[in-house]
Amino acid sequence: MRATRLPTGSGGVDDVVTAALRAVDRRGFLPDARHRHAGEDRPLDIGQGQTCSQPSTVSAMLRLLDVPRGAHVLDVGAGSGWTTALLAHLVGPDGEVLGVERHQELAAWGAANVERAGMPWARVVEATPGVLGAPRPGGWDRVLVSAAADRLPDELVDQVAPGGRMVIPVRHAMVLVERSDDGRVRTSEHGTYSFVPLVED
């Protein structure tokens, strides 16, 4: 078994992301049969055709997202709840994290995993049929999407608050979406990755 090598930083986002990855044990968000692989840097099957993402990929996404304390964060494709819990660690008790998951059984399991992690400012719910994401008045400060879209979904871009960010795989590119305070949107690509597909209807 190859242990996950967590990158360390000299300060800022590197240190908080590393701390989150160390604090939130991936094992608690995996099926029992996958526990012995929790430390491996690869995606792991969690059922329903879904995976718990590779730790180094999650680390890269969280660094791009640059989550501040106290932020309101949407986690699309929450799966087992691991990324929801990592985000909850980053925002702290003054923040809010909502994970949405389309698969009913995974949503229920992910909700239980997050509840067991002991961060009541975070939760996982089953996605509303026909709704991509979870629209919120004023938008979300940060949006993390852990499934690959065929295109950049306008429905999710519209849910990013002024001054906010979204990280989403589009086809095979990791895309950072930034909305300025005046509402203008800028996108940039940051590497190539492979994800399960995003279900948009």
N, C-alpha and C. Protein backbone atom coordinates (compact mmCIF):
# COMPACT_ATOMS: atom_id res chain seq x y z
N MET A 1 0.84 -1.19 0.00
CA MET A 1 0.00 0.00 0.00
C MET A 1 0.88 1.24 0.00
N ARG A 2 0.57 2.17 -0.91
CA ARG A 2 1.35 3.40 -0.98
C ARG A 2 0.64 4.48 -0.18
N ALA A 3 1.30 5.03 0.80
CA ALA A 3 0.68 6.04 1.65
C ALA A 3 0.51 7.35 0.87
N THR A 4 -0.55 8.07 1.22
CA THR A 4 -0.76 9.38 0.61
C THR A 4 0.30 10.34 1.10
N ARG A 5 0.95 11.02 0.17
CA ARG A 5 1.94 12.04 0.55
C ARG A 5 1.25 13.38 0.50
N LEU A 6 1.03 13.96 1.66
CA LEU A 6 0.34 15.24 1.73
C LEU A 6 1.35 16.37 1.57
N PRO A 7 1.11 17.27 0.61
CA PRO A 7 2.05 18.36 0.42
C PRO A 7 2.04 19.30 1.60
N THR A 8 3.19 19.87 1.89
CA THR A 8 3.27 20.85 2.96
C THR A 8 3.60 22.20 2.36
N GLY A 9 3.19 23.24 3.07
CA GLY A 9 3.42 24.58 2.55
C GLY A 9 4.06 25.46 3.60
N SER A 10 4.50 26.62 3.18
CA SER A 10 5.15 27.54 4.09
C SER A 10 4.16 28.51 4.71
N GLY A 11 2.90 28.40 4.33
CA GLY A 11 1.89 29.28 4.89
C GLY A 11 0.69 29.36 3.99
N GLY A 12 -0.35 30.07 4.45
CA GLY A 12 -1.52 30.32 3.64
C GLY A 12 -2.30 29.07 3.30
N VAL A 13 -2.78 29.04 2.04
CA VAL A 13 -3.69 27.98 1.64
C VAL A 13 -3.05 26.61 1.71
N ASP A 14 -1.74 26.48 1.46
CA ASP A 14 -1.08 25.19 1.53
C ASP A 14 -1.22 24.58 2.92
N ASP A 15 -0.98 25.39 3.94
CA ASP A 15 -1.02 24.87 5.30
C ASP A 15 -2.43 24.50 5.72
N VAL A 16 -3.43 25.31 5.39
CA VAL A 16 -4.79 24.99 5.83
C VAL A 16 -5.33 23.77 5.10
N VAL A 17 -5.00 23.60 3.83
CA VAL A 17 -5.46 22.43 3.10
C VAL A 17 -4.78 21.17 3.63
N THR A 18 -3.48 21.24 3.86
CA THR A 18 -2.77 20.11 4.45
C THR A 18 -3.35 19.74 5.80
N ALA A 19 -3.65 20.75 6.62
CA ALA A 19 -4.22 20.50 7.94
C ALA A 19 -5.59 19.82 7.82
N ALA A 20 -6.39 20.25 6.87
CA ALA A 20 -7.71 19.64 6.67
C ALA A 20 -7.58 18.18 6.26
N LEU A 21 -6.67 17.89 5.33
CA LEU A 21 -6.48 16.52 4.87
C LEU A 21 -5.97 15.61 5.99
N ARG A 22 -5.21 16.17 6.90
CA ARG A 22 -4.73 15.39 8.02
C ARG A 22 -5.80 15.20 9.09
N ALA A 23 -6.68 16.19 9.23
CA ALA A 23 -7.68 16.17 10.29
C ALA A 23 -8.89 15.30 9.95
N VAL A 24 -9.24 15.22 8.66
CA VAL A 24 -10.44 14.50 8.25
C VAL A 24 -10.01 13.17 7.63
N ASP A 25 -10.14 12.10 8.38
CA ASP A 25 -9.66 10.79 7.96
C ASP A 25 -10.53 10.25 6.82
N ARG A 26 -9.92 10.02 5.68
CA ARG A 26 -10.64 9.49 4.52
C ARG A 26 -11.30 8.14 4.82
N ARG A 27 -10.72 7.39 5.72
CA ARG A 27 -11.23 6.06 6.05
C ARG A 27 -12.69 6.12 6.51
N GLY A 28 -13.05 7.18 7.21
CA GLY A 28 -14.40 7.32 7.71
C GLY A 28 -15.43 7.62 6.64
N PHE A 29 -14.98 7.75 5.40
CA PHE A 29 -15.88 8.08 4.29
C PHE A 29 -15.78 7.04 3.17
N LEU A 30 -15.32 5.86 3.54
CA LEU A 30 -15.17 4.77 2.59
C LEU A 30 -15.94 3.54 3.06
N PRO A 31 -16.40 2.69 2.13
CA PRO A 31 -16.98 1.40 2.54
C PRO A 31 -15.93 0.58 3.28
N ASP A 32 -16.40 -0.29 4.16
CA ASP A 32 -15.48 -1.09 4.98
C ASP A 32 -14.42 -1.80 4.13
N ALA A 33 -14.83 -2.31 2.97
CA ALA A 33 -13.90 -3.06 2.13
C ALA A 33 -12.79 -2.19 1.55
N ARG A 34 -12.94 -0.88 1.59
CA ARG A 34 -11.94 0.03 1.03
C ARG A 34 -11.05 0.67 2.10
N HIS A 35 -11.34 0.39 3.38
CA HIS A 35 -10.60 1.05 4.45
C HIS A 35 -9.09 0.85 4.34
N ARG A 36 -8.66 -0.34 3.96
CA ARG A 36 -7.22 -0.61 3.91
C ARG A 36 -6.52 0.15 2.78
N HIS A 37 -7.31 0.72 1.87
CA HIS A 37 -6.74 1.49 0.77
C HIS A 37 -6.83 3.00 1.00
N ALA A 38 -7.32 3.40 2.16
CA ALA A 38 -7.61 4.82 2.41
C ALA A 38 -6.39 5.72 2.22
N GLY A 39 -5.19 5.20 2.51
CA GLY A 39 -3.99 6.01 2.41
C GLY A 39 -3.38 6.05 1.03
N GLU A 40 -3.98 5.37 0.07
CA GLU A 40 -3.44 5.33 -1.28
C GLU A 40 -3.92 6.53 -2.09
N ASP A 41 -3.02 7.07 -2.89
CA ASP A 41 -3.35 8.27 -3.67
C ASP A 41 -4.00 7.87 -5.00
N ARG A 42 -5.22 7.39 -4.89
CA ARG A 42 -5.99 7.02 -6.08
C ARG A 42 -7.47 7.08 -5.75
N PRO A 43 -8.33 7.23 -6.76
CA PRO A 43 -9.77 7.21 -6.50
C PRO A 43 -10.22 5.83 -6.07
N LEU A 44 -11.21 5.77 -5.19
CA LEU A 44 -11.70 4.50 -4.68
C LEU A 44 -13.21 4.39 -4.88
N ASP A 45 -13.63 3.22 -5.32
CA ASP A 45 -15.04 2.97 -5.59
C ASP A 45 -15.86 3.06 -4.30
N ILE A 46 -17.00 3.78 -4.35
CA ILE A 46 -17.89 3.86 -3.19
C ILE A 46 -19.30 3.38 -3.53
N GLY A 47 -19.46 2.76 -4.70
CA GLY A 47 -20.76 2.24 -5.09
C GLY A 47 -21.52 3.21 -5.97
N GLN A 48 -22.60 2.70 -6.61
CA GLN A 48 -23.44 3.51 -7.50
C GLN A 48 -22.65 4.09 -8.68
N GLY A 49 -21.52 3.44 -9.02
CA GLY A 49 -20.70 3.94 -10.10
C GLY A 49 -19.91 5.19 -9.77
N GLN A 50 -19.81 5.53 -8.48
CA GLN A 50 -19.13 6.74 -8.03
C GLN A 50 -17.83 6.39 -7.31
N THR A 51 -16.98 7.41 -7.16
CA THR A 51 -15.71 7.20 -6.48
C THR A 51 -15.46 8.28 -5.43
N CYS A 52 -14.60 7.94 -4.48
CA CYS A 52 -14.03 8.93 -3.56
C CYS A 52 -12.74 9.39 -4.24
N SER A 53 -12.65 10.67 -4.54
CA SER A 53 -11.58 11.18 -5.40
C SER A 53 -10.19 10.97 -4.81
N GLN A 54 -9.22 10.96 -5.70
CA GLN A 54 -7.81 10.82 -5.34
C GLN A 54 -7.39 11.99 -4.44
N PRO A 55 -6.75 11.72 -3.29
CA PRO A 55 -6.39 12.79 -2.37
C PRO A 55 -5.58 13.93 -2.99
N SER A 56 -4.62 13.62 -3.87
CA SER A 56 -3.83 14.70 -4.47
C SER A 56 -4.69 15.58 -5.37
N THR A 57 -5.70 14.99 -6.00
CA THR A 57 -6.62 15.77 -6.83
C THR A 57 -7.49 16.67 -5.96
N VAL A 58 -8.01 16.11 -4.87
CA VAL A 58 -8.81 16.91 -3.93
C VAL A 58 -7.97 18.06 -3.37
N SER A 59 -6.73 17.76 -3.04
CA SER A 59 -5.83 18.80 -2.53
C SER A 59 -5.68 19.93 -3.54
N ALA A 60 -5.46 19.59 -4.81
CA ALA A 60 -5.30 20.61 -5.85
C ALA A 60 -6.57 21.44 -6.01
N MET A 61 -7.73 20.78 -5.95
CA MET A 61 -8.99 21.50 -6.09
C MET A 61 -9.22 22.45 -4.93
N LEU A 62 -8.92 22.01 -3.73
CA LEU A 62 -9.13 22.87 -2.56
C LEU A 62 -8.18 24.06 -2.58
N ARG A 63 -6.97 23.88 -3.08
CA ARG A 63 -6.05 25.00 -3.18
C ARG A 63 -6.55 26.03 -4.19
N LEU A 64 -7.08 25.56 -5.31
CA LEU A 64 -7.65 26.48 -6.30
C LEU A 64 -8.86 27.20 -5.73
N LEU A 65 -9.65 26.49 -4.94
CA LEU A 65 -10.89 27.07 -4.40
C LEU A 65 -10.58 28.15 -3.37
N ASP A 66 -9.48 28.01 -2.63
CA ASP A 66 -9.03 29.01 -1.67
C ASP A 66 -10.17 29.40 -0.72
N VAL A 67 -10.58 28.43 0.10
CA VAL A 67 -11.76 28.60 0.96
C VAL A 67 -11.43 29.42 2.21
N PRO A 68 -12.10 30.55 2.42
CA PRO A 68 -11.84 31.34 3.63
C PRO A 68 -12.68 30.85 4.82
N ARG A 69 -12.23 31.15 6.02
CA ARG A 69 -13.02 30.86 7.21
C ARG A 69 -14.35 31.61 7.12
N GLY A 70 -15.40 30.96 7.59
CA GLY A 70 -16.70 31.61 7.63
C GLY A 70 -17.46 31.62 6.32
N ALA A 71 -16.92 30.98 5.27
CA ALA A 71 -17.55 31.02 3.95
C ALA A 71 -18.77 30.11 3.89
N HIS A 72 -19.65 30.41 2.94
CA HIS A 72 -20.79 29.56 2.61
C HIS A 72 -20.41 28.80 1.35
N VAL A 73 -20.38 27.47 1.45
CA VAL A 73 -19.81 26.64 0.38
C VAL A 73 -20.80 25.56 -0.06
N LEU A 74 -20.89 25.38 -1.38
CA LEU A 74 -21.70 24.33 -1.97
C LEU A 74 -20.77 23.25 -2.52
N ASP A 75 -21.06 21.99 -2.17
CA ASP A 75 -20.28 20.85 -2.63
C ASP A 75 -21.16 19.98 -3.52
N VAL A 76 -20.95 20.05 -4.83
CA VAL A 76 -21.80 19.35 -5.79
C VAL A 76 -21.17 17.99 -6.12
N GLY A 77 -21.95 16.92 -5.96
CA GLY A 77 -21.43 15.58 -6.12
C GLY A 77 -20.71 15.14 -4.88
N ALA A 78 -21.38 15.31 -3.73
CA ALA A 78 -20.74 15.10 -2.42
C ALA A 78 -20.37 13.65 -2.16
N GLY A 79 -21.06 12.70 -2.80
CA GLY A 79 -20.72 11.29 -2.63
C GLY A 79 -20.73 10.85 -1.19
N SER A 80 -19.59 10.35 -0.72
CA SER A 80 -19.49 9.82 0.64
C SER A 80 -19.42 10.90 1.70
N GLY A 81 -19.31 12.17 1.29
CA GLY A 81 -19.24 13.28 2.24
C GLY A 81 -17.84 13.71 2.62
N TRP A 82 -16.81 13.06 2.04
CA TRP A 82 -15.43 13.41 2.43
C TRP A 82 -15.09 14.85 2.08
N THR A 83 -15.40 15.26 0.84
CA THR A 83 -15.08 16.65 0.48
C THR A 83 -15.93 17.63 1.27
N THR A 84 -17.17 17.26 1.59
CA THR A 84 -18.01 18.13 2.41
C THR A 84 -17.37 18.35 3.78
N ALA A 85 -16.86 17.28 4.37
CA ALA A 85 -16.22 17.39 5.68
C ALA A 85 -14.91 18.19 5.60
N LEU A 86 -14.14 17.99 4.52
CA LEU A 86 -12.91 18.78 4.35
C LEU A 86 -13.25 20.27 4.24
N LEU A 87 -14.27 20.58 3.47
CA LEU A 87 -14.70 21.97 3.33
C LEU A 87 -15.17 22.53 4.67
N ALA A 88 -15.87 21.70 5.44
CA ALA A 88 -16.35 22.13 6.76
C ALA A 88 -15.18 22.46 7.68
N HIS A 89 -14.13 21.66 7.60
CA HIS A 89 -12.93 21.95 8.39
C HIS A 89 -12.33 23.28 7.98
N LEU A 90 -12.35 23.58 6.70
CA LEU A 90 -11.77 24.83 6.20
C LEU A 90 -12.59 26.06 6.60
N VAL A 91 -13.92 25.97 6.53
CA VAL A 91 -14.74 27.16 6.82
C VAL A 91 -14.89 27.39 8.32
N GLY A 92 -14.81 26.31 9.13
CA GLY A 92 -14.98 26.46 10.56
C GLY A 92 -16.44 26.65 10.95
N PRO A 93 -16.72 26.71 12.25
CA PRO A 93 -18.10 26.74 12.74
C PRO A 93 -18.88 28.00 12.39
N ASP A 94 -18.21 29.05 11.93
CA ASP A 94 -18.92 30.26 11.50
C ASP A 94 -19.34 30.18 10.04
N GLY A 95 -18.97 29.11 9.36
CA GLY A 95 -19.33 28.94 7.96
C GLY A 95 -20.48 27.96 7.79
N GLU A 96 -20.71 27.61 6.53
CA GLU A 96 -21.77 26.67 6.18
C GLU A 96 -21.33 25.88 4.96
N VAL A 97 -21.54 24.57 4.98
CA VAL A 97 -21.25 23.73 3.82
C VAL A 97 -22.48 22.86 3.54
N LEU A 98 -22.95 22.92 2.32
CA LEU A 98 -24.04 22.07 1.88
C LEU A 98 -23.53 21.15 0.78
N GLY A 99 -23.57 19.85 1.03
CA GLY A 99 -23.23 18.87 0.01
C GLY A 99 -24.50 18.35 -0.64
N VAL A 100 -24.52 18.28 -1.96
CA VAL A 100 -25.67 17.70 -2.66
C VAL A 100 -25.20 16.49 -3.46
N GLU A 101 -26.03 15.44 -3.44
CA GLU A 101 -25.69 14.18 -4.09
C GLU A 101 -26.94 13.62 -4.75
N ARG A 102 -26.84 13.24 -6.03
CA ARG A 102 -28.00 12.77 -6.78
C ARG A 102 -28.43 11.35 -6.43
N HIS A 103 -27.49 10.50 -6.03
CA HIS A 103 -27.83 9.12 -5.71
C HIS A 103 -28.37 9.04 -4.28
N GLN A 104 -29.61 8.60 -4.15
CA GLN A 104 -30.29 8.62 -2.85
C GLN A 104 -29.52 7.87 -1.77
N GLU A 105 -29.06 6.66 -2.08
CA GLU A 105 -28.36 5.86 -1.08
C GLU A 105 -27.04 6.50 -0.68
N LEU A 106 -26.32 7.03 -1.67
CA LEU A 106 -25.06 7.71 -1.35
C LEU A 106 -25.30 8.96 -0.52
N ALA A 107 -26.37 9.70 -0.85
CA ALA A 107 -26.68 10.92 -0.10
C ALA A 107 -26.95 10.60 1.37
N ALA A 108 -27.70 9.54 1.61
CA ALA A 108 -28.01 9.16 2.99
C ALA A 108 -26.74 8.71 3.73
N TRP A 109 -25.90 7.94 3.05
CA TRP A 109 -24.65 7.48 3.66
C TRP A 109 -23.71 8.66 3.90
N GLY A 110 -23.58 9.52 2.89
CA GLY A 110 -22.74 10.70 3.04
C GLY A 110 -23.20 11.59 4.17
N ALA A 111 -24.52 11.76 4.32
CA ALA A 111 -25.07 12.57 5.41
C ALA A 111 -24.68 11.98 6.76
N ALA A 112 -24.78 10.66 6.88
CA ALA A 112 -24.41 10.00 8.13
C ALA A 112 -22.91 10.14 8.41
N ASN A 113 -22.10 10.03 7.39
CA ASN A 113 -20.65 10.18 7.56
C ASN A 113 -20.29 11.58 8.04
N VAL A 114 -20.91 12.59 7.44
CA VAL A 114 -20.62 13.98 7.83
C VAL A 114 -21.12 14.25 9.24
N GLU A 115 -22.30 13.73 9.57
CA GLU A 115 -22.82 13.92 10.93
C GLU A 115 -21.88 13.29 11.95
N ARG A 116 -21.37 12.11 11.64
CA ARG A 116 -20.45 11.43 12.55
C ARG A 116 -19.14 12.20 12.71
N ALA A 117 -18.77 12.98 11.70
CA ALA A 117 -17.53 13.77 11.78
C ALA A 117 -17.63 14.92 12.77
N GLY A 118 -18.85 15.24 13.21
CA GLY A 118 -19.01 16.20 14.29
C GLY A 118 -18.84 17.65 13.91
N MET A 119 -19.28 18.01 12.69
CA MET A 119 -19.23 19.42 12.27
C MET A 119 -20.64 19.83 11.84
N PRO A 120 -21.48 20.26 12.78
CA PRO A 120 -22.89 20.50 12.50
C PRO A 120 -23.18 21.63 11.52
N TRP A 121 -22.17 22.39 11.15
CA TRP A 121 -22.36 23.44 10.16
C TRP A 121 -22.25 22.88 8.73
N ALA A 122 -22.11 21.56 8.61
CA ALA A 122 -22.04 20.91 7.29
C ALA A 122 -23.07 19.80 7.23
N ARG A 123 -23.65 19.59 6.04
CA ARG A 123 -24.60 18.50 5.86
C ARG A 123 -24.61 18.08 4.40
N VAL A 124 -25.07 16.87 4.17
CA VAL A 124 -25.25 16.34 2.82
C VAL A 124 -26.73 16.01 2.64
N VAL A 125 -27.29 16.43 1.51
CA VAL A 125 -28.69 16.15 1.20
C VAL A 125 -28.79 15.57 -0.20
N GLU A 126 -29.90 14.90 -0.45
CA GLU A 126 -30.16 14.42 -1.80
C GLU A 126 -30.50 15.60 -2.69
N ALA A 127 -29.93 15.64 -3.89
CA ALA A 127 -30.18 16.75 -4.81
C ALA A 127 -31.65 16.79 -5.21
N THR A 128 -32.17 17.99 -5.40
CA THR A 128 -33.54 18.17 -5.86
C THR A 128 -33.62 17.77 -7.33
N PRO A 129 -34.54 16.88 -7.69
CA PRO A 129 -34.66 16.47 -9.10
C PRO A 129 -34.85 17.68 -10.02
N GLY A 130 -34.09 17.68 -11.11
CA GLY A 130 -34.20 18.75 -12.09
C GLY A 130 -33.45 20.02 -11.73
N VAL A 131 -32.78 20.03 -10.58
CA VAL A 131 -32.03 21.22 -10.14
C VAL A 131 -30.55 20.86 -10.05
N LEU A 132 -29.71 21.63 -10.73
CA LEU A 132 -28.26 21.44 -10.66
C LEU A 132 -27.72 22.36 -9.58
N GLY A 133 -27.06 21.78 -8.59
CA GLY A 133 -26.56 22.57 -7.47
C GLY A 133 -27.66 22.81 -6.46
N ALA A 134 -27.64 23.99 -5.84
CA ALA A 134 -28.63 24.37 -4.84
C ALA A 134 -28.67 25.89 -4.78
N PRO A 135 -29.50 26.53 -5.60
CA PRO A 135 -29.54 27.99 -5.62
C PRO A 135 -29.76 28.57 -4.22
N ARG A 136 -29.03 29.64 -3.93
CA ARG A 136 -29.09 30.30 -2.62
C ARG A 136 -29.15 31.81 -2.84
N PRO A 137 -30.03 32.52 -2.12
CA PRO A 137 -30.08 33.98 -2.28
C PRO A 137 -28.70 34.59 -2.07
N GLY A 138 -28.24 35.37 -3.02
CA GLY A 138 -26.92 35.99 -2.93
C GLY A 138 -25.79 35.11 -3.42
N GLY A 139 -26.08 33.82 -3.65
CA GLY A 139 -25.07 32.90 -4.17
C GLY A 139 -24.20 32.30 -3.09
N TRP A 140 -23.30 31.43 -3.51
CA TRP A 140 -22.35 30.76 -2.62
C TRP A 140 -20.98 31.40 -2.77
N ASP A 141 -20.27 31.53 -1.65
CA ASP A 141 -18.91 32.09 -1.70
C ASP A 141 -17.96 31.17 -2.46
N ARG A 142 -18.17 29.88 -2.31
CA ARG A 142 -17.35 28.89 -3.00
C ARG A 142 -18.24 27.74 -3.45
N VAL A 143 -17.92 27.19 -4.63
CA VAL A 143 -18.62 26.01 -5.15
C VAL A 143 -17.57 25.01 -5.62
N LEU A 144 -17.66 23.79 -5.10
CA LEU A 144 -16.77 22.71 -5.50
C LEU A 144 -17.60 21.67 -6.24
N VAL A 145 -17.14 21.26 -7.42
CA VAL A 145 -17.86 20.25 -8.20
C VAL A 145 -16.92 19.07 -8.43
N SER A 146 -17.35 17.89 -7.99
CA SER A 146 -16.49 16.72 -8.07
C SER A 146 -16.96 15.72 -9.12
N ALA A 147 -17.47 16.24 -10.23
CA ALA A 147 -17.87 15.41 -11.37
C ALA A 147 -17.68 16.25 -12.63
N ALA A 148 -17.35 15.59 -13.73
CA ALA A 148 -16.97 16.31 -14.95
C ALA A 148 -18.19 16.68 -15.79
N ALA A 149 -18.30 17.96 -16.13
CA ALA A 149 -19.36 18.44 -17.01
C ALA A 149 -18.87 18.43 -18.46
N ASP A 150 -19.81 18.29 -19.40
CA ASP A 150 -19.46 18.38 -20.83
C ASP A 150 -19.23 19.82 -21.25
N ARG A 151 -19.79 20.74 -20.47
CA ARG A 151 -19.68 22.17 -20.74
C ARG A 151 -19.70 22.87 -19.39
N LEU A 152 -19.31 24.11 -19.35
CA LEU A 152 -19.40 24.88 -18.11
C LEU A 152 -20.87 25.22 -17.88
N PRO A 153 -21.49 24.67 -16.83
CA PRO A 153 -22.94 24.87 -16.65
C PRO A 153 -23.28 26.28 -16.17
N ASP A 154 -24.06 27.01 -16.97
CA ASP A 154 -24.49 28.34 -16.56
C ASP A 154 -25.25 28.30 -15.24
N GLU A 155 -25.98 27.19 -15.01
CA GLU A 155 -26.77 27.07 -13.79
C GLU A 155 -25.89 27.14 -12.55
N LEU A 156 -24.68 26.58 -12.62
CA LEU A 156 -23.77 26.63 -11.48
C LEU A 156 -23.01 27.94 -11.43
N VAL A 157 -22.62 28.46 -12.57
CA VAL A 157 -21.94 29.77 -12.59
C VAL A 157 -22.83 30.82 -11.93
N ASP A 158 -24.13 30.75 -12.20
CA ASP A 158 -25.07 31.72 -11.62
C ASP A 158 -25.17 31.61 -10.11
N GLN A 159 -24.74 30.48 -9.54
CA GLN A 159 -24.81 30.28 -8.09
C GLN A 159 -23.57 30.76 -7.36
N VAL A 160 -22.58 31.25 -8.10
CA VAL A 160 -21.36 31.80 -7.48
C VAL A 160 -21.60 33.25 -7.11
N ALA A 161 -21.40 33.59 -5.86
CA ALA A 161 -21.62 34.94 -5.37
C ALA A 161 -20.57 35.91 -5.92
N PRO A 162 -20.88 37.21 -5.97
CA PRO A 162 -19.85 38.20 -6.30
C PRO A 162 -18.65 38.04 -5.36
N GLY A 163 -17.45 38.02 -5.94
CA GLY A 163 -16.24 37.78 -5.17
C GLY A 163 -15.97 36.31 -4.90
N GLY A 164 -16.82 35.43 -5.46
CA GLY A 164 -16.71 34.00 -5.19
C GLY A 164 -15.94 33.23 -6.24
N ARG A 165 -15.77 31.94 -5.98
CA ARG A 165 -15.02 31.05 -6.87
C ARG A 165 -15.74 29.71 -7.00
N MET A 166 -15.56 29.08 -8.14
CA MET A 166 -15.99 27.70 -8.34
C MET A 166 -14.87 26.93 -9.00
N VAL A 167 -14.66 25.68 -8.56
CA VAL A 167 -13.72 24.77 -9.21
C VAL A 167 -14.53 23.60 -9.74
N ILE A 168 -14.40 23.34 -11.05
CA ILE A 168 -15.20 22.32 -11.70
C ILE A 168 -14.42 21.67 -12.85
N PRO A 169 -14.43 20.34 -12.94
CA PRO A 169 -13.84 19.70 -14.13
C PRO A 169 -14.80 19.86 -15.31
N VAL A 170 -14.29 20.34 -16.42
CA VAL A 170 -15.08 20.45 -17.65
C VAL A 170 -14.38 19.60 -18.69
N ARG A 171 -15.05 18.53 -19.10
CA ARG A 171 -14.42 17.47 -19.89
C ARG A 171 -13.20 16.99 -19.10
N HIS A 172 -12.00 17.24 -19.54
CA HIS A 172 -10.84 16.76 -18.78
C HIS A 172 -10.02 17.89 -18.17
N ALA A 173 -10.48 19.12 -18.28
CA ALA A 173 -9.73 20.25 -17.74
C ALA A 173 -10.32 20.70 -16.41
N MET A 174 -9.44 21.04 -15.45
CA MET A 174 -9.89 21.61 -14.19
C MET A 174 -10.06 23.11 -14.39
N VAL A 175 -11.26 23.59 -14.23
CA VAL A 175 -11.58 24.99 -14.52
C VAL A 175 -11.85 25.75 -13.23
N LEU A 176 -11.22 26.90 -13.10
CA LEU A 176 -11.49 27.83 -12.02
C LEU A 176 -12.36 28.95 -12.56
N VAL A 177 -13.50 29.15 -11.92
CA VAL A 177 -14.42 30.23 -12.28
C VAL A 177 -14.35 31.28 -11.17
N GLU A 178 -14.07 32.51 -11.54
CA GLU A 178 -14.00 33.60 -10.57
C GLU A 178 -15.00 34.69 -10.97
N ARG A 179 -15.86 35.07 -10.02
CA ARG A 179 -16.80 36.16 -10.26
C ARG A 179 -16.31 37.39 -9.49
N SER A 180 -16.11 38.48 -10.19
CA SER A 180 -15.63 39.70 -9.55
C SER A 180 -16.77 40.34 -8.75
N ASP A 181 -16.42 41.30 -7.94
CA ASP A 181 -17.43 41.98 -7.11
C ASP A 181 -18.49 42.66 -7.95
N ASP A 182 -18.14 43.05 -9.19
CA ASP A 182 -19.13 43.69 -10.06
C ASP A 182 -19.87 42.68 -10.95
N GLY A 183 -19.64 41.38 -10.69
CA GLY A 183 -20.40 40.34 -11.38
C GLY A 183 -19.76 39.75 -12.61
N ARG A 184 -18.64 40.29 -13.07
CA ARG A 184 -17.99 39.73 -14.26
C ARG A 184 -17.36 38.38 -13.94
N VAL A 185 -17.39 37.48 -14.91
CA VAL A 185 -16.91 36.11 -14.72
C VAL A 185 -15.65 35.88 -15.55
N ARG A 186 -14.65 35.29 -14.91
CA ARG A 186 -13.40 34.92 -15.58
C ARG A 186 -13.15 33.45 -15.35
N THR A 187 -12.68 32.74 -16.38
CA THR A 187 -12.36 31.32 -16.23
C THR A 187 -10.91 31.08 -16.62
N SER A 188 -10.33 30.06 -16.00
CA SER A 188 -8.96 29.64 -16.34
C SER A 188 -8.85 28.14 -16.13
N GLU A 189 -7.94 27.50 -16.87
CA GLU A 189 -7.76 26.05 -16.79
C GLU A 189 -6.49 25.71 -16.02
N HIS A 190 -6.58 24.64 -15.22
CA HIS A 190 -5.47 24.29 -14.33
C HIS A 190 -5.23 22.78 -14.32
N GLY A 191 -4.76 22.25 -15.42
CA GLY A 191 -4.39 20.84 -15.46
C GLY A 191 -5.49 19.95 -16.00
N THR A 192 -5.12 18.68 -16.20
CA THR A 192 -6.01 17.68 -16.78
C THR A 192 -6.26 16.58 -15.77
N TYR A 193 -7.53 16.21 -15.62
CA TYR A 193 -7.93 15.21 -14.64
C TYR A 193 -9.04 14.34 -15.23
N SER A 194 -9.33 13.24 -14.54
CA SER A 194 -10.42 12.35 -14.95
C SER A 194 -11.41 12.21 -13.80
N PHE A 195 -12.70 12.42 -14.09
CA PHE A 195 -13.76 12.35 -13.08
C PHE A 195 -14.94 11.56 -13.63
N VAL A 196 -15.80 11.09 -12.72
CA VAL A 196 -17.09 10.54 -13.15
C VAL A 196 -17.90 11.69 -13.76
N PRO A 197 -18.86 11.39 -14.64
CA PRO A 197 -19.62 12.46 -15.29
C PRO A 197 -20.60 13.15 -14.36
N LEU A 198 -20.80 14.45 -14.59
CA LEU A 198 -21.79 15.23 -13.87
C LEU A 198 -23.16 14.98 -14.50
N VAL A 199 -24.13 14.60 -13.67
CA VAL A 199 -25.48 14.39 -14.15
C VAL A 199 -26.24 15.71 -14.01
N GLU A 200 -26.73 16.24 -15.14
CA GLU A 200 -27.31 17.57 -15.11
C GLU A 200 -28.83 17.57 -15.21
N ASP A 201 -29.48 16.41 -15.27
CA ASP A 201 -30.94 16.42 -15.30
C ASP A 201 -31.50 15.23 -14.54
